[in-house]
Each structure stands twice: as C-alpha cells, then as structure tokens.
Amino acid sequence: MSADTKKRVLIIANELSPYTEFTDFAHILNKLAIKTFDSGLEIRVIMPRFGLINERRHRLHEVVRLSGINVIIDKDDYPLMIKVASLPSARLQVYFMDNEDYFKRKAVFRDDQDNFFDDNGERMIFFCKSALETVKKFGWPPHVIHCHGWMTSLAPLYLKTTYKKEPVFGYSKVIYTAQADQFSETLHANFAKKAMISAEIKDKDFEHFKEGTNSALTIGAGKAADVVVFGSEEIPSSITDELKPSRTKKVIPYDATWTEDVTPLLELYKSLTES
C-alpha cells in the first residue's frame, strides 16, 4: 500500500441519480457516494456529460485547468472538455467528460427512431480513456476504482493493460458492476480495432469483448476486474457462469436491501483500501 494514508475511491459510471437514471443502481450509487464521503474516505465521481443533462439546473461548469486533453481514437484526435458539479445534498464533486462529437446530442444511446447509435462503441472508448486520462491529470491515485454501467466496461481492461504501469494506478483495485443487458444490438464492426488502444492489449486480453454485445462487454469487464458486484437479480446465467469467484477474484451477489442501506458496499470499499 502507498505511504499516503488518505484512502481514495473513484466511481466511474454512466448513470448516477439525479443526472441520469437507467436502472435502480443509479440511486444506489448516489447513496453510496454520499455515504463514502461521509465515512471520511476521499471520493470522486466521473461520468459522461450526456446532452440531456441540464447544465444550468445541475450547475455544471467547465474546469479549464483540466480541459485541453486530446483523446486519440484510431489516430483521430477528439478534444475533451471536463465539467464539474457538486452532488446535491453533498459536498463531493462529480466530473463530466464532454465532447461535441459524442455527447452534444440530446439523446443517450438511441436516436428519435429508437435506433442504437452506430458510434456507441467509440463513445465508450472515448469515455473510458477520458476518465483514466483525467485521473492522471488530477495526480490523484485511487485505491478503489468502481466501474458501473456498460459504457465503463473497457476501463477494467485498460487499467490491467495500457495503464498498468501508470504510477497513479499502481495501487488501484477495480470493481465492476455486472448487470442485465441494457441493449440487444452489436457494436459497430470497427469496435475491436478501435478499442485496442495500445500494443499492451493482446488478442487474448480482448477475447471476451470482441463480439461487441452487451453480455460480451459485461463478461470482459468482469474478467478484468478484481471484484465483481452483481447489480441486478435478473442477470442471465450466461454471465453469472462466466463470472465466478476464484483465487484472484471476489464476487458479491446482488442484495435488494442495497436500495435502502449501502453499508455492505461501503465496507467493501474499506476492505479494498486496506488490502
């Protein structure tokens, strides 16, 4: 463990109440973030700045000192804008990753004809890289990184490969929340090529992701994480059978009481900061 006695938790999520709510876990994460802060742990949250998030209502403002990073996807540069807001009824900060190409649209994953966006795979790559590059720029080494939502599913892979030798992530334990599928489509055919962002990612590392289905992303992320939390009681056996406890992986079964009391998840954070 690092000599720094401060314990830090980073939540990377594509949903968090009150900004976006796709599943019940958006409310659980809200309670968990606040309880983590109140417990004395340092915590920061990173999420996408989807176009439906009202910046005025939620008091988002750009963090100029952090913006200016260019995120490269398949040799193309995309400028990253970082915005911040304080979570209501708490003093903890939520950082929003923004880019006009990927997040300006006033829809989340589908157009007004209910068509799944062709570039959702690229948007995920951009978000995951942006989140990790932002933490590097913070110079804020998290002991625990909790990835939640399918748009975060590449982050555990990147942390175990491309970013493995980055000092800021040297002590990080990674949690991934596995959920029931949120979409039935398959990501664009170029997804695998674009998602393998460095030579450190080998074909065997990407094997579980390559089909580009929601289940494949969940399994791939769960395989790369140190701890898997089942975030729903409706997860199919095709996922749960792949994500079983092992010598190197802990699995936390879903508990419906989390909607009222997130103490067990906070205790998980605390135990990982000490390991």
Protein backbone atom coordinates (compact mmCIF):
# COMPACT_ATOMS: atom_id res chain seq x y z
CA MET A 1 0.00 0.00 0.00
CA SER A 2 1.19 3.52 -0.68
CA ALA A 3 2.71 5.56 2.11
CA ASP A 4 -0.08 8.12 1.70
CA THR A 5 -2.60 7.42 4.47
CA LYS A 6 -5.51 9.01 2.61
CA LYS A 7 -7.87 6.41 1.16
CA ARG A 8 -9.39 7.33 -2.20
CA VAL A 9 -12.36 5.88 -4.06
CA LEU A 10 -13.14 6.68 -7.69
CA ILE A 11 -16.54 5.86 -9.17
CA ILE A 12 -16.71 5.76 -12.98
CA ALA A 13 -20.32 5.41 -14.06
CA ASN A 14 -22.67 6.10 -16.95
CA GLU A 15 -25.56 6.69 -14.56
CA LEU A 16 -25.92 8.48 -11.26
CA SER A 17 -29.03 9.99 -9.73
CA PRO A 18 -30.08 12.79 -10.24
CA TYR A 19 -28.20 13.26 -13.54
CA THR A 20 -29.07 10.05 -15.39
CA GLU A 21 -31.13 7.10 -14.20
CA PHE A 22 -31.25 3.96 -16.35
CA THR A 23 -31.51 1.36 -13.60
CA ASP A 24 -32.12 1.23 -9.85
CA PHE A 25 -28.36 1.27 -9.36
CA ALA A 26 -28.30 5.00 -10.21
CA HIS A 27 -29.94 5.64 -6.83
CA ILE A 28 -27.73 3.09 -5.07
CA LEU A 29 -24.62 4.82 -6.42
CA ASN A 30 -25.92 8.19 -5.24
CA LYS A 31 -26.37 6.86 -1.70
CA LEU A 32 -23.06 5.01 -1.84
CA ALA A 33 -21.12 8.08 -3.00
CA ILE A 34 -22.58 10.22 -0.21
CA LYS A 35 -22.06 7.55 2.46
CA THR A 36 -18.49 7.01 1.27
CA PHE A 37 -17.80 10.74 1.54
CA ASP A 38 -19.40 10.93 4.98
CA SER A 39 -17.27 7.98 6.17
CA GLY A 40 -14.10 10.00 5.70
CA LEU A 41 -12.85 8.38 2.51
CA GLU A 42 -11.91 10.72 -0.33
CA ILE A 43 -14.20 10.15 -3.29
CA ARG A 44 -14.63 11.48 -6.81
CA VAL A 45 -17.13 10.50 -9.48
CA ILE A 46 -16.62 10.59 -13.25
CA MET A 47 -19.44 10.20 -15.77
CA PRO A 48 -20.35 11.23 -19.36
CA ARG A 49 -21.93 14.62 -19.92
CA PHE A 50 -24.87 13.30 -21.92
CA GLY A 51 -26.74 16.03 -23.79
CA LEU A 52 -29.91 15.50 -21.77
CA ILE A 53 -28.14 16.60 -18.58
CA ASN A 54 -29.27 20.16 -17.95
CA GLU A 55 -26.12 22.14 -17.19
CA ARG A 56 -27.94 25.13 -15.69
CA ARG A 57 -30.19 23.08 -13.43
CA HIS A 58 -27.33 20.94 -12.16
CA ARG A 59 -24.84 23.85 -12.08
CA LEU A 60 -22.18 22.30 -14.26
CA HIS A 61 -19.21 24.45 -15.17
CA GLU A 62 -16.08 23.79 -17.16
CA VAL A 63 -12.83 23.04 -15.35
CA VAL A 64 -10.48 24.99 -17.60
CA ARG A 65 -7.30 23.80 -15.86
CA LEU A 66 -8.21 20.19 -16.63
CA SER A 67 -9.67 20.63 -20.11
CA GLY A 68 -7.48 20.62 -23.18
CA ILE A 69 -6.67 16.92 -23.23
CA ASN A 70 -6.96 15.37 -26.68
CA VAL A 71 -8.18 11.78 -26.68
CA ILE A 72 -6.94 9.69 -29.60
CA ILE A 73 -9.19 7.02 -31.08
CA ASP A 74 -7.78 5.14 -34.06
CA LYS A 75 -5.41 8.04 -34.92
CA ASP A 76 -8.17 10.68 -34.73
CA ASP A 77 -7.99 13.38 -32.05
CA TYR A 78 -11.06 14.35 -30.05
CA PRO A 79 -10.89 17.30 -27.64
CA LEU A 80 -12.04 16.61 -24.11
CA MET A 81 -13.90 19.19 -22.07
CA ILE A 82 -14.22 18.46 -18.35
CA LYS A 83 -17.11 19.90 -16.41
CA VAL A 84 -17.87 19.62 -12.71
CA ALA A 85 -20.82 19.87 -10.36
CA SER A 86 -21.42 19.20 -6.69
CA LEU A 87 -23.71 16.29 -5.96
CA PRO A 88 -26.93 17.68 -4.40
CA SER A 89 -27.07 17.38 -0.61
CA ALA A 90 -23.37 16.52 -0.54
CA ARG A 91 -20.05 18.30 -0.92
CA LEU A 92 -18.45 15.77 -3.25
CA GLN A 93 -17.64 16.62 -6.84
CA VAL A 94 -18.85 14.88 -9.98
CA TYR A 95 -16.73 15.33 -13.10
CA PHE A 96 -18.39 15.11 -16.51
CA MET A 97 -16.49 14.06 -19.64
CA ASP A 98 -17.73 16.10 -22.60
CA ASN A 99 -17.10 16.23 -26.34
CA GLU A 100 -19.27 17.73 -29.08
CA ASP A 101 -18.96 14.75 -31.42
CA TYR A 102 -20.04 12.20 -28.83
CA PHE A 103 -22.14 13.88 -26.16
CA LYS A 104 -23.75 17.03 -27.53
CA ARG A 105 -26.78 15.13 -28.90
CA LYS A 106 -29.93 15.32 -26.79
CA ALA A 107 -30.22 11.56 -26.55
CA VAL A 108 -28.28 8.93 -24.68
CA PHE A 109 -27.87 5.69 -26.63
CA ARG A 110 -30.62 5.86 -29.30
CA ASP A 111 -31.96 8.35 -31.84
CA ASP A 112 -35.58 9.52 -32.03
CA GLN A 113 -36.41 6.45 -34.14
CA ASP A 114 -35.08 4.20 -31.36
CA ASN A 115 -32.05 3.22 -33.44
CA PHE A 116 -28.93 2.37 -31.47
CA PHE A 117 -26.22 4.91 -32.34
CA ASP A 118 -23.58 3.49 -34.71
CA ASP A 119 -20.83 5.21 -32.74
CA ASN A 120 -21.79 3.97 -29.27
CA GLY A 121 -18.66 1.82 -29.24
CA GLU A 122 -16.49 4.86 -30.00
CA ARG A 123 -18.32 6.88 -27.37
CA MET A 124 -17.47 4.19 -24.82
CA ILE A 125 -13.80 4.17 -25.84
CA PHE A 126 -13.68 7.95 -25.59
CA PHE A 127 -15.33 7.97 -22.19
CA CYS A 128 -13.12 5.25 -20.68
CA LYS A 129 -9.90 6.82 -21.99
CA SER A 130 -11.08 10.28 -20.91
CA ALA A 131 -11.82 9.11 -17.37
CA LEU A 132 -8.41 7.49 -16.93
CA GLU A 133 -6.52 10.38 -18.53
CA THR A 134 -8.38 12.79 -16.26
CA VAL A 135 -7.30 10.85 -13.17
CA LYS A 136 -3.71 11.02 -14.42
CA LYS A 137 -4.07 14.78 -14.79
CA PHE A 138 -5.54 15.02 -11.26
CA GLY A 139 -2.46 13.26 -9.92
CA TRP A 140 -4.93 11.62 -7.55
CA PRO A 141 -4.15 7.89 -7.07
CA PRO A 142 -7.32 5.95 -6.23
CA HIS A 143 -7.13 2.85 -4.05
CA VAL A 144 -10.51 1.65 -5.33
CA ILE A 145 -11.99 2.22 -8.80
CA HIS A 146 -15.65 1.19 -9.10
CA CYS A 147 -16.78 0.94 -12.73
CA HIS A 148 -20.51 0.85 -13.24
CA GLY A 149 -22.56 0.64 -16.44
CA TRP A 150 -21.72 -0.87 -19.81
CA MET A 151 -20.07 2.35 -21.02
CA THR A 152 -17.36 1.80 -18.41
CA SER A 153 -16.67 -1.81 -19.37
CA LEU A 154 -13.39 -1.10 -21.16
CA ALA A 155 -11.92 0.69 -18.13
CA PRO A 156 -11.01 -2.50 -16.20
CA LEU A 157 -9.30 -3.86 -19.33
CA TYR A 158 -7.37 -0.62 -19.90
CA LEU A 159 -6.30 -0.50 -16.25
CA LYS A 160 -4.89 -4.02 -16.47
CA THR A 161 -3.06 -3.38 -19.77
CA THR A 162 -2.45 0.08 -21.25
CA TYR A 163 -2.46 1.91 -17.91
CA LYS A 164 -0.95 -0.87 -15.80
CA LYS A 165 2.41 0.85 -15.34
CA GLU A 166 0.99 4.31 -14.64
CA PRO A 167 2.06 5.26 -11.08
CA VAL A 168 -1.33 6.86 -10.35
CA PHE A 169 -2.99 3.44 -10.75
CA GLY A 170 -0.25 1.45 -9.05
CA TYR A 171 -2.38 0.53 -6.01
CA SER A 172 -5.85 0.50 -7.57
CA LYS A 173 -8.28 -2.35 -7.00
CA VAL A 174 -11.01 -2.48 -9.65
CA ILE A 175 -14.68 -3.28 -9.03
CA TYR A 176 -17.10 -3.83 -11.91
CA THR A 177 -20.88 -3.84 -11.51
CA ALA A 178 -22.35 -6.56 -13.73
CA GLN A 179 -25.94 -6.03 -14.80
CA ALA A 180 -28.57 -7.49 -17.09
CA ASP A 181 -28.15 -6.41 -20.71
CA GLN A 182 -29.15 -2.83 -21.46
CA PHE A 183 -29.12 -3.27 -25.25
CA SER A 184 -29.62 -6.15 -27.68
CA GLU A 185 -27.64 -4.78 -30.63
CA THR A 186 -24.00 -5.45 -31.53
CA LEU A 187 -21.45 -2.65 -31.58
CA HIS A 188 -20.10 -1.48 -34.95
CA ALA A 189 -17.78 -3.85 -36.80
CA ASN A 190 -14.83 -1.49 -36.24
CA PHE A 191 -15.27 -1.62 -32.45
CA ALA A 192 -12.50 -4.15 -31.75
CA LYS A 193 -9.95 -2.34 -33.93
CA LYS A 194 -10.63 0.99 -32.24
CA ALA A 195 -10.95 -0.36 -28.71
CA MET A 196 -7.49 -1.97 -28.71
CA ILE A 197 -5.83 1.35 -27.99
CA SER A 198 -2.27 0.14 -27.38
CA ALA A 199 0.16 -2.69 -28.05
CA GLU A 200 -0.19 -3.69 -24.39
CA ILE A 201 -3.65 -5.08 -25.19
CA LYS A 202 -3.20 -8.55 -26.65
CA ASP A 203 -5.79 -10.58 -28.54
CA LYS A 204 -6.22 -12.85 -25.51
CA ASP A 205 -6.97 -9.80 -23.33
CA PHE A 206 -9.71 -8.70 -25.70
CA GLU A 207 -11.13 -12.15 -26.40
CA HIS A 208 -14.27 -11.76 -24.27
CA PHE A 209 -15.07 -8.29 -25.64
CA LYS A 210 -14.71 -8.94 -29.36
CA GLU A 211 -18.33 -9.96 -30.09
CA GLY A 212 -19.41 -6.44 -29.16
CA THR A 213 -22.62 -7.49 -27.43
CA ASN A 214 -23.71 -6.13 -24.05
CA SER A 215 -23.12 -9.55 -22.48
CA ALA A 216 -19.64 -9.72 -24.01
CA LEU A 217 -18.75 -6.31 -22.54
CA THR A 218 -20.01 -7.37 -19.11
CA ILE A 219 -18.07 -10.63 -19.15
CA GLY A 220 -14.92 -8.96 -20.46
CA ALA A 221 -15.05 -6.24 -17.81
CA GLY A 222 -15.80 -8.75 -15.07
CA LYS A 223 -12.86 -10.93 -16.11
CA ALA A 224 -10.53 -7.91 -15.95
CA ALA A 225 -11.81 -6.61 -12.60
CA ASP A 226 -10.61 -7.66 -9.15
CA VAL A 227 -14.16 -7.71 -7.74
CA VAL A 228 -17.49 -8.23 -9.50
CA VAL A 229 -20.65 -6.85 -7.92
CA PHE A 230 -23.89 -8.22 -9.35
CA GLY A 231 -26.06 -5.12 -9.66
CA SER A 232 -29.31 -6.86 -10.55
CA GLU A 233 -31.15 -10.06 -9.70
CA GLU A 234 -32.02 -10.52 -13.38
CA ILE A 235 -28.53 -11.30 -14.69
CA PRO A 236 -28.64 -14.34 -17.01
CA SER A 237 -26.68 -17.48 -16.25
CA SER A 238 -24.61 -16.91 -19.42
CA ILE A 239 -22.97 -14.06 -17.48
CA THR A 240 -23.01 -15.41 -13.93
CA ASP A 241 -21.50 -18.73 -15.06
CA GLU A 242 -18.56 -16.84 -16.58
CA LEU A 243 -18.04 -14.56 -13.58
CA LYS A 244 -17.45 -16.87 -10.66
CA PRO A 245 -15.28 -16.38 -7.57
CA SER A 246 -11.68 -17.52 -7.87
CA ARG A 247 -8.38 -17.18 -6.08
CA THR A 248 -7.86 -13.78 -7.70
CA LYS A 249 -11.47 -12.57 -7.96
CA LYS A 250 -14.18 -11.80 -5.45
CA VAL A 251 -17.87 -11.88 -6.43
CA ILE A 252 -20.57 -10.02 -4.47
CA PRO A 253 -24.12 -11.30 -5.09
CA TYR A 254 -26.96 -8.82 -5.59
CA ASP A 255 -28.75 -7.72 -2.44
CA ALA A 256 -32.11 -5.96 -2.76
CA THR A 257 -31.54 -4.20 0.58
CA TRP A 258 -28.87 -2.01 -1.05
CA THR A 259 -31.67 0.30 -2.21
CA GLU A 260 -32.15 1.20 1.46
CA ASP A 261 -28.75 0.52 3.03
CA VAL A 262 -25.47 0.64 1.11
CA THR A 263 -23.30 -0.13 4.16
CA PRO A 264 -22.15 -3.52 2.77
CA LEU A 265 -20.82 -1.82 -0.37
CA LEU A 266 -19.07 0.84 1.71
CA GLU A 267 -17.49 -1.95 3.77
CA LEU A 268 -16.28 -3.49 0.51
CA TYR A 269 -14.59 -0.20 -0.38
CA LYS A 270 -12.95 -0.02 3.03
CA SER A 271 -11.68 -3.59 2.88
CA LEU A 272 -10.12 -2.99 -0.54
CA THR A 273 -8.36 0.17 0.61
CA GLU A 274 -6.65 -1.90 3.28
CA SER A 275 -5.62 -4.84 1.09
